[in-house]
Amino acid sequence: MTAPGRGSARRLLVAGAVGRLGEALLNAALARGGYDEVVALADGEATMSLGVRGLGLAPVDRLPPLDDVCIAPTLDPGAPGARSFHGRDAPFALVDPASMPRIARAAADAGARRLVLIHPLPAWQQMSGLHRGLAGDAELETAKLPFEGVVVMRPVAASRSAGGSLLQRIAGVYLGLQQLMLPRSVPTLTSAQIAHVAIDLLREPEPGVRILDAAQIEARLGAQRG
């Protein structure tokens, strides 16, 4: 009997295909991932076709056999352009940190062997040293699942808009000033750059749990260019 994810068709699950990062992940996976099918995590019972070759939809409780999974929490679902051009009305599932273990567990049950978790952190945390280990119950629970390899990517979280309450606007200005004072050793990467590295990491057979901060992600980009 063929185990899930071990058949002739190679499949990647992209959870969090919403916003710029989610769209970049879909584009990178479809263009250069080497998968026969990229499955975007959907809300509810949606299994509609988006009309893009090699791209499908599936809810978390009806996943097809998988080889790999990439999870990207939705940072700002209400931002303009949050829906991907792959299907602006497509019911892509929003992902928050609390839902990551359930998604990862479902992917592991479907046969996924490698997991890349993209978990952006604010600039000040990139400088604190707290980003070098697993953080929070969601990451710890996810890392315990039976994957052969897990990589947690920690790019710098993008600044939020200046909208919201007075307190939110003040906090936004404060964080913006912190961003200006960042040393160059803490790079801010584009969604396309993050997605490029994420898809490449899925090709690596290295076992265990690895954590890559923003500087390490940029270093991998530089090595690939070289």
Protein backbone atom coordinates (compact mmCIF):
# COMPACT_ATOMS: atom_id res chain seq x y z
CA MET A 1 0.00 0.00 0.00
CA THR A 2 1.37 3.42 -0.96
CA ALA A 3 1.75 5.80 1.98
CA PRO A 4 0.25 9.31 1.75
CA GLY A 5 2.54 11.75 -0.04
CA ARG A 6 4.68 8.94 -1.50
CA GLY A 7 2.86 8.43 -4.82
CA SER A 8 4.03 9.51 -8.24
CA ALA A 9 2.44 12.99 -7.94
CA ARG A 10 4.33 15.41 -5.70
CA ARG A 11 2.16 17.87 -3.78
CA LEU A 12 2.87 20.93 -1.68
CA LEU A 13 0.34 22.49 0.68
CA VAL A 14 0.52 26.29 1.01
CA ALA A 15 -1.39 27.42 4.09
CA GLY A 16 -1.94 31.17 4.25
CA ALA A 17 -2.23 31.98 0.54
CA VAL A 18 -3.53 35.46 1.37
CA GLY A 19 -1.76 38.80 0.98
CA ARG A 20 1.55 39.58 -0.64
CA LEU A 21 3.52 36.84 1.07
CA GLY A 22 0.92 34.16 0.36
CA GLU A 23 0.71 35.15 -3.28
CA ALA A 24 4.51 35.15 -3.55
CA LEU A 25 4.60 31.64 -2.10
CA LEU A 26 2.05 30.38 -4.62
CA ASN A 27 3.95 31.98 -7.51
CA ALA A 28 7.30 30.56 -6.39
CA ALA A 29 5.87 27.09 -5.77
CA LEU A 30 4.13 26.97 -9.14
CA ALA A 31 7.06 28.42 -11.09
CA ARG A 32 10.03 26.67 -9.55
CA GLY A 33 8.96 24.25 -6.85
CA GLY A 34 8.96 21.13 -9.02
CA TYR A 35 5.58 19.96 -7.69
CA ASP A 36 2.91 18.29 -9.77
CA GLU A 37 0.29 20.15 -7.75
CA VAL A 38 0.29 23.04 -5.29
CA VAL A 39 -2.68 22.91 -2.93
CA ALA A 40 -3.81 26.15 -1.29
CA LEU A 41 -5.53 25.71 2.06
CA ALA A 42 -9.19 26.72 1.72
CA ASP A 43 -11.96 27.70 4.09
CA GLY A 44 -14.87 25.36 4.70
CA GLU A 45 -15.55 22.69 2.11
CA ALA A 46 -14.17 24.61 -0.87
CA THR A 47 -12.52 22.44 -3.52
CA MET A 48 -13.18 24.69 -6.53
CA SER A 49 -10.74 24.90 -9.41
CA LEU A 50 -9.05 28.28 -9.85
CA GLY A 51 -8.30 27.73 -13.52
CA VAL A 52 -4.53 27.72 -12.96
CA ARG A 53 -2.69 24.61 -14.06
CA GLY A 54 -1.20 22.73 -11.13
CA LEU A 55 -3.08 24.74 -8.47
CA GLY A 56 -5.90 23.32 -6.37
CA LEU A 57 -7.84 24.01 -3.18
CA ALA A 58 -8.59 21.80 -0.19
CA PRO A 59 -9.89 22.35 3.36
CA VAL A 60 -7.78 21.22 6.31
CA ASP A 61 -9.95 18.15 6.98
CA ARG A 62 -9.86 16.92 3.37
CA LEU A 63 -6.23 17.23 2.34
CA PRO A 64 -4.91 15.04 -0.48
CA PRO A 65 -1.68 13.05 -0.06
CA LEU A 66 1.15 15.54 0.51
CA ASP A 67 4.94 15.63 0.35
CA ASP A 68 5.65 19.05 1.88
CA VAL A 69 3.87 21.96 3.58
CA CYS A 70 4.58 25.67 3.89
CA ILE A 71 2.64 27.70 6.49
CA ALA A 72 2.57 31.50 6.52
CA PRO A 73 0.37 33.22 9.12
CA THR A 74 -1.84 35.98 7.72
CA LEU A 75 -0.48 39.27 9.05
CA ASP A 76 -3.00 41.79 7.71
CA PRO A 77 -6.03 40.12 6.10
CA GLY A 78 -7.88 43.43 5.72
CA ALA A 79 -5.18 45.13 3.67
CA PRO A 80 -5.91 46.20 0.07
CA GLY A 81 -5.05 43.45 -2.36
CA ALA A 82 -5.22 40.74 0.29
CA ARG A 83 -6.68 38.28 -2.20
CA SER A 84 -4.38 36.66 -4.71
CA PHE A 85 -4.78 37.24 -8.44
CA HIS A 86 -4.99 33.44 -8.70
CA GLY A 87 -8.61 33.86 -7.58
CA ARG A 88 -9.69 37.11 -5.95
CA ASP A 89 -12.88 35.50 -4.71
CA ALA A 90 -11.23 32.19 -3.87
CA PRO A 91 -11.81 31.17 -0.25
CA PHE A 92 -8.18 30.92 0.78
CA ALA A 93 -7.97 30.19 4.49
CA LEU A 94 -6.60 32.84 6.83
CA VAL A 95 -3.95 31.48 9.18
CA ASP A 96 -3.18 32.70 12.68
CA PRO A 97 -0.54 31.33 15.08
CA ALA A 98 -3.14 29.41 17.07
CA SER A 99 -4.21 27.43 13.99
CA MET A 100 -0.68 26.49 12.89
CA PRO A 101 -0.40 23.24 14.93
CA ARG A 102 -3.75 21.94 13.64
CA ILE A 103 -2.78 22.66 10.03
CA ALA A 104 0.67 21.13 10.49
CA ARG A 105 -0.82 18.04 12.15
CA ALA A 106 -3.28 17.54 9.29
CA ALA A 107 -0.44 17.90 6.76
CA ALA A 108 1.69 15.37 8.63
CA ASP A 109 -1.25 12.95 8.71
CA ALA A 110 -1.53 13.42 4.92
CA GLY A 111 2.08 12.30 4.51
CA ALA A 112 4.02 15.58 4.45
CA ARG A 113 7.69 15.06 5.35
CA ARG A 114 9.05 18.61 5.35
CA LEU A 115 7.61 21.76 6.88
CA VAL A 116 8.64 25.37 6.34
CA LEU A 117 6.98 27.74 8.81
CA ILE A 118 7.28 31.45 8.01
CA HIS A 119 6.82 33.39 11.23
CA PRO A 120 7.79 37.07 10.88
CA LEU A 121 8.86 38.92 14.02
CA PRO A 122 8.97 42.69 14.70
CA ALA A 123 12.27 44.45 14.19
CA TRP A 124 12.99 44.89 17.89
CA GLN A 125 12.68 41.15 18.50
CA GLN A 126 15.14 40.48 15.68
CA MET A 127 17.70 42.40 17.76
CA SER A 128 16.85 40.85 21.14
CA GLY A 129 18.16 37.33 20.61
CA LEU A 130 14.73 35.88 21.49
CA HIS A 131 14.26 34.85 17.86
CA ARG A 132 16.96 32.16 17.97
CA GLY A 133 14.84 29.47 19.60
CA LEU A 134 11.33 28.13 19.24
CA ALA A 135 8.85 30.72 20.52
CA GLY A 136 5.41 30.11 21.97
CA ASP A 137 3.19 27.09 22.37
CA ALA A 138 2.20 26.98 18.68
CA GLU A 139 5.79 26.62 17.45
CA LEU A 140 6.72 24.14 20.17
CA GLU A 141 3.69 21.98 19.43
CA THR A 142 4.30 22.13 15.68
CA ALA A 143 7.97 21.16 16.06
CA LYS A 144 6.98 17.96 17.92
CA LEU A 145 5.03 16.59 14.95
CA PRO A 146 6.52 13.69 12.95
CA PHE A 147 8.15 15.67 10.15
CA GLU A 148 11.58 14.65 8.87
CA GLY A 149 12.64 18.29 8.70
CA VAL A 150 11.22 21.57 10.05
CA VAL A 151 12.50 25.05 9.22
CA VAL A 152 11.20 28.16 10.97
CA MET A 153 11.90 31.33 8.97
CA ARG A 154 11.92 34.62 10.87
CA PRO A 155 11.87 37.58 8.46
CA VAL A 156 11.18 41.06 9.81
CA ALA A 157 7.44 41.71 10.16
CA ALA A 158 6.26 44.47 7.84
CA SER A 159 5.10 47.69 9.46
CA ARG A 160 1.35 48.04 9.75
CA SER A 161 -0.59 50.96 8.33
CA ALA A 162 -1.09 54.14 10.32
CA GLY A 163 -4.85 53.53 10.62
CA GLY A 164 -6.74 52.42 13.71
CA SER A 165 -7.17 54.01 17.12
CA LEU A 166 -4.98 56.78 18.50
CA LEU A 167 -3.06 54.26 20.59
CA GLN A 168 -2.48 52.07 17.50
CA ARG A 169 -1.23 55.07 15.51
CA ILE A 170 1.15 56.07 18.31
CA ALA A 171 2.45 52.51 18.47
CA GLY A 172 2.89 52.54 14.67
CA VAL A 173 4.99 55.71 14.83
CA TYR A 174 7.11 54.25 17.64
CA LEU A 175 7.74 51.05 15.71
CA GLY A 176 8.55 53.09 12.60
CA LEU A 177 11.24 54.96 14.53
CA GLN A 178 12.66 51.66 15.74
CA GLN A 179 12.78 50.48 12.12
CA LEU A 180 14.84 53.54 11.16
CA MET A 181 17.34 52.76 13.93
CA LEU A 182 17.83 49.14 12.88
CA PRO A 183 21.41 48.09 12.18
CA ARG A 184 22.07 46.88 8.67
CA SER A 185 22.62 43.40 10.07
CA VAL A 186 18.81 43.07 10.36
CA PRO A 187 17.62 43.19 6.74
CA THR A 188 14.05 43.75 5.60
CA LEU A 189 13.27 41.33 2.77
CA THR A 190 10.56 41.41 0.13
CA SER A 191 7.80 38.81 0.00
CA ALA A 192 9.26 37.44 -3.24
CA GLN A 193 12.68 36.99 -1.62
CA ILE A 194 11.21 35.21 1.40
CA ALA A 195 9.16 32.94 -0.86
CA HIS A 196 12.22 32.15 -2.99
CA VAL A 197 14.15 30.91 0.05
CA ALA A 198 11.14 29.05 1.48
CA ILE A 199 10.66 26.96 -1.66
CA ASP A 200 14.39 26.20 -1.86
CA LEU A 201 14.40 25.05 1.77
CA LEU A 202 11.76 22.45 0.96
CA ARG A 203 14.25 20.77 -1.38
CA GLU A 204 16.82 20.24 1.37
CA PRO A 205 16.82 16.82 3.06
CA GLU A 206 18.45 18.06 6.28
CA PRO A 207 16.59 16.51 9.26
CA GLY A 208 15.61 18.10 12.55
CA VAL A 209 14.50 21.62 13.43
CA ARG A 210 16.28 24.69 12.08
CA ILE A 211 15.60 28.39 12.69
CA LEU A 212 16.67 31.07 10.21
CA ASP A 213 16.53 34.74 11.22
CA ALA A 214 16.36 37.63 8.76
CA ALA A 215 20.13 37.90 8.39
CA GLN A 216 20.47 34.17 7.67
CA ILE A 217 17.68 34.33 5.09
CA GLU A 218 19.46 37.22 3.35
CA ALA A 219 22.74 35.28 3.47
CA ARG A 220 21.08 32.37 1.64
CA LEU A 221 19.86 34.75 -1.03
CA GLY A 222 23.37 36.09 -1.47
CA ALA A 223 24.82 32.58 -1.72
CA GLN A 224 22.26 31.66 -4.39
CA ARG A 225 23.13 34.74 -6.44
CA GLY A 226 26.82 33.93 -6.12
